[in-house]
Amino acid sequence: MSPHVLVLGGTTEARELATALAARPGVRVTSSLAGRVSRPGALAGDVRIGGFGGAEGLAAWLREHEVDAVVDATHPFAAGITANAAAAAATTGVPAVVLRRPGWRPGPGDRWHMADSLAGAAALLPPLGRRVFLTTGRLGLAAFADLPELHFLVRSVEPPEPPLPAHTEVLLARGPFTADDETGLLREHRIDVLVTKDSGGVATAPKLAAARQLGVPVVVVRRPPLPEGVTAVPDVPGVLDRLGLSSP
């Protein structure tokens, strides 16, 4: 029987992995998307949209669809999905791999301030600046709603969910962005502090280079920890090797 791999996706790496798996003879790949983006791009293999109903629902799906391996290639901040995937894999005995792109690291000239949460990031802002470029996604912006003295430029792919800060301008855009684009944006909106999650990857990293060039401080929200006993693989070749599918 052909091996069936479930990819919990939504990231660039998940898309690359689905393409690589589909190119392996005899491998069946299903990509699962949470459905938070209204127009996801085309994916190799089968695609399902929506949640599973927690760890128990995912475990039932793994059994019903005879999944041979599950790869958690979700966003580094999708902690709930990661926990459910680890629990479902442990319950069913299905081998599991976590694919996580490496996080960012500060370099010379960076003015980073680390936070453990969005609320922690909000608490750091008042002494750092008054015009904030907020690039933490469309969820959780209520953490910044109690800062009426600040002006926020919020960038996300989909419209952000309320409540929003009192003084908010929304910019709907999808990366990748160039360093020149980001530098121009920071100058145009007179941004004096940037807030981001440690998503890692190259698609949105140019904003960090722009902040460095302009001397803008950056508040970086740390990634949530992985479940106990779970380790991550940093790239698609590493996942393929872990699954024993390195050769097409």
Protein backbone atom coordinates (compact mmCIF):
# COMPACT_ATOMS: atom_id res chain seq x y z
CA MET A 1 0.00 0.00 0.00
CA SER A 2 1.24 3.51 -0.83
CA PRO A 3 2.39 5.50 2.22
CA HIS A 4 0.02 8.30 3.20
CA VAL A 5 1.58 11.47 4.67
CA LEU A 6 -0.54 14.17 6.29
CA VAL A 7 1.02 17.65 6.18
CA LEU A 8 -0.43 20.20 8.57
CA GLY A 9 0.28 23.21 6.43
CA GLY A 10 -0.21 26.86 5.72
CA THR A 11 3.47 27.83 5.43
CA THR A 12 5.85 28.13 2.50
CA GLU A 13 7.75 25.11 3.81
CA ALA A 14 4.54 23.05 3.94
CA ARG A 15 3.89 23.85 0.28
CA GLU A 16 7.45 22.89 -0.67
CA LEU A 17 7.14 19.66 1.30
CA ALA A 18 3.84 18.71 -0.36
CA THR A 19 5.44 19.22 -3.77
CA ALA A 20 8.46 17.11 -2.81
CA LEU A 21 6.31 14.31 -1.38
CA ALA A 22 3.99 14.25 -4.39
CA ALA A 23 7.06 13.76 -6.60
CA ARG A 24 7.96 10.56 -4.73
CA PRO A 25 6.53 7.54 -6.62
CA GLY A 26 3.78 5.83 -4.67
CA VAL A 27 3.53 8.47 -1.95
CA ARG A 28 0.11 9.95 -1.19
CA VAL A 29 0.14 13.38 0.42
CA THR A 30 -2.74 15.28 2.02
CA SER A 31 -2.28 18.90 3.06
CA SER A 32 -4.54 20.22 5.81
CA LEU A 33 -5.20 23.96 6.02
CA ALA A 34 -6.93 25.70 8.90
CA GLY A 35 -8.98 27.84 6.53
CA ARG A 36 -7.89 31.20 7.96
CA VAL A 37 -6.74 32.47 4.54
CA SER A 38 -9.61 32.93 2.12
CA ARG A 39 -7.66 32.23 -1.09
CA PRO A 40 -4.91 29.65 -0.49
CA GLY A 41 -2.69 28.84 -3.43
CA ALA A 42 -2.69 25.55 -5.28
CA LEU A 43 -1.07 22.61 -3.50
CA ALA A 44 0.30 19.31 -4.72
CA GLY A 45 -1.69 16.24 -3.67
CA ASP A 46 -5.00 16.22 -1.80
CA VAL A 47 -6.17 19.17 0.27
CA ARG A 48 -8.57 19.41 3.21
CA ILE A 49 -9.78 22.63 4.82
CA GLY A 50 -10.74 23.16 8.46
CA GLY A 51 -9.91 21.86 11.91
CA PHE A 52 -10.05 18.29 13.19
CA GLY A 53 -11.75 18.89 16.53
CA GLY A 54 -8.71 18.81 18.80
CA ALA A 55 -6.25 16.01 19.45
CA GLU A 56 -8.96 13.33 19.64
CA GLY A 57 -10.46 14.40 16.33
CA LEU A 58 -7.06 14.39 14.66
CA ALA A 59 -6.28 10.95 16.06
CA ALA A 60 -9.57 9.65 14.67
CA TRP A 61 -8.75 11.17 11.26
CA LEU A 62 -5.30 9.55 11.24
CA ARG A 63 -6.86 6.15 11.88
CA GLU A 64 -9.77 6.55 9.47
CA HIS A 65 -7.57 7.68 6.59
CA GLU A 66 -4.75 5.23 7.35
CA VAL A 67 -2.08 7.89 7.71
CA ASP A 68 1.47 6.55 7.93
CA ALA A 69 3.19 9.78 9.02
CA VAL A 70 2.15 13.29 10.02
CA VAL A 71 4.26 16.40 9.50
CA ASP A 72 3.44 19.51 11.49
CA ALA A 73 4.55 22.28 9.13
CA THR A 74 2.31 24.96 10.62
CA HIS A 75 3.36 28.47 11.60
CA PRO A 76 5.84 28.58 14.53
CA PHE A 77 3.16 30.32 16.62
CA ALA A 78 0.40 27.76 15.98
CA ALA A 79 1.02 26.27 19.42
CA GLY A 80 -2.43 24.70 19.78
CA ILE A 81 -2.17 22.75 16.54
CA THR A 82 1.34 21.62 17.40
CA ALA A 83 0.22 20.35 20.80
CA ASN A 84 -2.75 18.51 19.26
CA ALA A 85 -0.57 16.93 16.59
CA ALA A 86 1.93 15.69 19.17
CA ALA A 87 -0.87 14.23 21.32
CA ALA A 88 -2.62 12.58 18.37
CA ALA A 89 0.63 11.04 17.15
CA ALA A 90 1.38 9.69 20.61
CA THR A 91 -2.14 8.24 20.91
CA THR A 92 -2.12 6.51 17.53
CA GLY A 93 1.55 5.58 17.25
CA VAL A 94 1.79 7.40 13.92
CA PRO A 95 5.31 8.79 13.38
CA ALA A 96 5.37 12.58 13.58
CA VAL A 97 7.83 15.23 12.45
CA VAL A 98 7.77 18.96 13.20
CA LEU A 99 9.06 21.20 10.39
CA ARG A 100 10.12 24.63 11.68
CA ARG A 101 12.18 27.18 9.82
CA PRO A 102 14.97 28.60 12.01
CA GLY A 103 14.16 31.73 13.97
CA TRP A 104 15.76 35.10 13.35
CA ARG A 105 18.86 36.24 15.19
CA PRO A 106 19.89 39.86 15.85
CA GLY A 107 22.97 41.16 14.09
CA PRO A 108 25.22 44.21 14.42
CA GLY A 109 23.18 47.39 14.52
CA ASP A 110 19.91 45.70 15.52
CA ARG A 111 18.01 47.22 18.46
CA TRP A 112 15.87 44.28 19.53
CA HIS A 113 13.66 44.03 22.60
CA MET A 114 12.38 40.53 23.34
CA ALA A 115 8.90 39.69 24.65
CA ASP A 116 7.23 36.41 25.58
CA SER A 117 3.76 37.40 24.37
CA LEU A 118 1.78 40.07 22.52
CA ALA A 119 0.80 41.56 25.88
CA GLY A 120 4.47 41.67 26.83
CA ALA A 121 5.27 43.38 23.52
CA ALA A 122 2.56 45.99 24.15
CA ALA A 123 4.00 46.75 27.58
CA LEU A 124 7.40 47.53 26.02
CA LEU A 125 6.12 50.04 23.46
CA PRO A 126 5.44 53.38 25.20
CA PRO A 127 9.10 54.25 25.94
CA LEU A 128 10.25 53.11 22.48
CA GLY A 129 8.09 55.13 20.10
CA ARG A 130 4.72 56.57 19.16
CA ARG A 131 4.21 55.29 15.59
CA VAL A 132 4.18 51.50 15.57
CA PHE A 133 4.45 49.14 12.60
CA LEU A 134 2.57 46.08 13.85
CA THR A 135 3.27 42.91 11.82
CA THR A 136 2.07 40.18 14.18
CA GLY A 137 -0.84 39.01 12.00
CA ARG A 138 -4.58 39.63 12.18
CA LEU A 139 -5.24 37.91 15.51
CA GLY A 140 -4.54 39.04 19.04
CA LEU A 141 -4.47 42.78 18.39
CA ALA A 142 -6.62 43.36 21.46
CA ALA A 143 -3.33 43.15 23.39
CA PHE A 144 -2.52 46.63 22.02
CA ALA A 145 -5.98 48.17 22.43
CA ASP A 146 -5.14 49.87 25.73
CA LEU A 147 -2.51 52.13 24.16
CA PRO A 148 -4.60 55.05 22.85
CA GLU A 149 -1.60 57.37 22.81
CA LEU A 150 0.10 55.31 20.07
CA HIS A 151 -0.62 55.15 16.35
CA PHE A 152 -0.52 51.69 14.76
CA LEU A 153 0.07 50.65 11.17
CA VAL A 154 -1.20 47.06 11.05
CA ARG A 155 -0.16 44.86 8.13
CA SER A 156 -1.78 41.49 7.53
CA VAL A 157 -2.91 39.27 4.66
CA GLU A 158 -6.55 39.22 5.84
CA PRO A 159 -8.50 41.97 7.65
CA PRO A 160 -7.58 41.97 11.35
CA GLU A 161 -10.09 40.89 13.97
CA PRO A 162 -11.34 43.51 16.44
CA PRO A 163 -10.91 44.96 18.94
CA LEU A 164 -8.16 47.11 17.48
CA PRO A 165 -6.21 49.99 19.00
CA ALA A 166 -8.02 53.34 18.81
CA HIS A 167 -5.60 54.79 16.26
CA THR A 168 -5.08 52.07 13.68
CA GLU A 169 -4.41 52.12 9.96
CA VAL A 170 -4.74 48.72 8.24
CA LEU A 171 -2.54 47.70 5.31
CA LEU A 172 -3.59 44.47 3.57
CA ALA A 173 -0.57 42.98 1.81
CA ARG A 174 1.13 39.64 1.23
CA GLY A 175 4.90 39.14 1.11
CA PRO A 176 7.57 38.68 0.08
CA PHE A 177 8.71 42.28 0.48
CA THR A 178 12.06 43.78 -0.51
CA ALA A 179 14.29 45.75 1.83
CA ASP A 180 13.70 48.83 -0.33
CA ASP A 181 9.94 48.34 -0.05
CA GLU A 182 10.14 48.08 3.72
CA THR A 183 12.49 51.03 4.10
CA GLY A 184 10.17 53.17 2.01
CA LEU A 185 7.17 52.06 4.06
CA LEU A 186 8.83 52.89 7.37
CA ARG A 187 9.80 56.33 6.09
CA GLU A 188 6.41 57.06 4.51
CA HIS A 189 4.54 56.28 7.72
CA ARG A 190 7.21 57.80 10.02
CA ILE A 191 7.50 54.52 11.92
CA ASP A 192 9.66 54.71 15.02
CA VAL A 193 9.14 51.17 16.41
CA LEU A 194 8.44 47.79 14.77
CA VAL A 195 6.67 44.83 16.38
CA THR A 196 6.97 41.34 14.94
CA LYS A 197 6.81 37.70 15.89
CA ASP A 198 9.91 35.55 15.47
CA SER A 199 8.44 33.80 12.43
CA GLY A 200 11.80 33.25 10.76
CA GLY A 201 12.23 32.78 7.03
CA VAL A 202 13.16 35.17 4.25
CA ALA A 203 9.74 36.37 3.03
CA THR A 204 9.24 38.92 5.80
CA ALA A 205 12.82 39.37 7.03
CA PRO A 206 13.49 42.54 4.96
CA LYS A 207 11.51 44.60 7.49
CA LEU A 208 14.24 43.77 10.00
CA ALA A 209 16.90 44.98 7.59
CA ALA A 210 14.93 48.18 7.02
CA ALA A 211 14.62 48.77 10.76
CA ARG A 212 18.35 48.20 11.17
CA GLN A 213 19.15 50.67 8.39
CA LEU A 214 16.92 53.38 9.85
CA GLY A 215 17.84 52.72 13.48
CA VAL A 216 14.27 51.74 14.38
CA PRO A 217 13.92 49.57 17.52
CA VAL A 218 12.20 46.19 17.07
CA VAL A 219 10.07 44.35 19.61
CA VAL A 220 10.31 40.63 18.83
CA VAL A 221 7.84 38.13 20.31
CA ARG A 222 9.55 34.85 21.12
CA ARG A 223 8.18 31.57 19.75
CA PRO A 224 6.13 29.38 22.08
CA PRO A 225 8.04 26.29 23.22
CA LEU A 226 7.48 22.95 21.52
CA PRO A 227 5.66 20.23 23.49
CA GLU A 228 7.86 18.26 25.85
CA GLY A 229 9.92 15.65 24.03
CA VAL A 230 9.29 17.18 20.58
CA THR A 231 12.18 18.42 18.45
CA ALA A 232 12.00 20.28 15.16
CA VAL A 233 13.58 19.68 11.75
CA PRO A 234 14.64 22.96 10.07
CA ASP A 235 13.98 22.22 6.40
CA VAL A 236 12.25 20.02 3.83
CA PRO A 237 15.28 17.78 3.11
CA GLY A 238 15.49 17.06 6.82
CA VAL A 239 11.85 15.96 6.91
CA LEU A 240 12.28 13.74 3.86
CA ASP A 241 15.30 12.14 5.47
CA ARG A 242 13.38 11.58 8.72
CA LEU A 243 10.57 9.91 6.76
CA GLY A 244 13.00 7.74 4.79
CA LEU A 245 12.01 9.46 1.54
CA SER A 246 15.20 11.33 0.68
CA SER A 247 15.45 9.79 -2.79
CA PRO A 248 12.62 10.43 -5.27
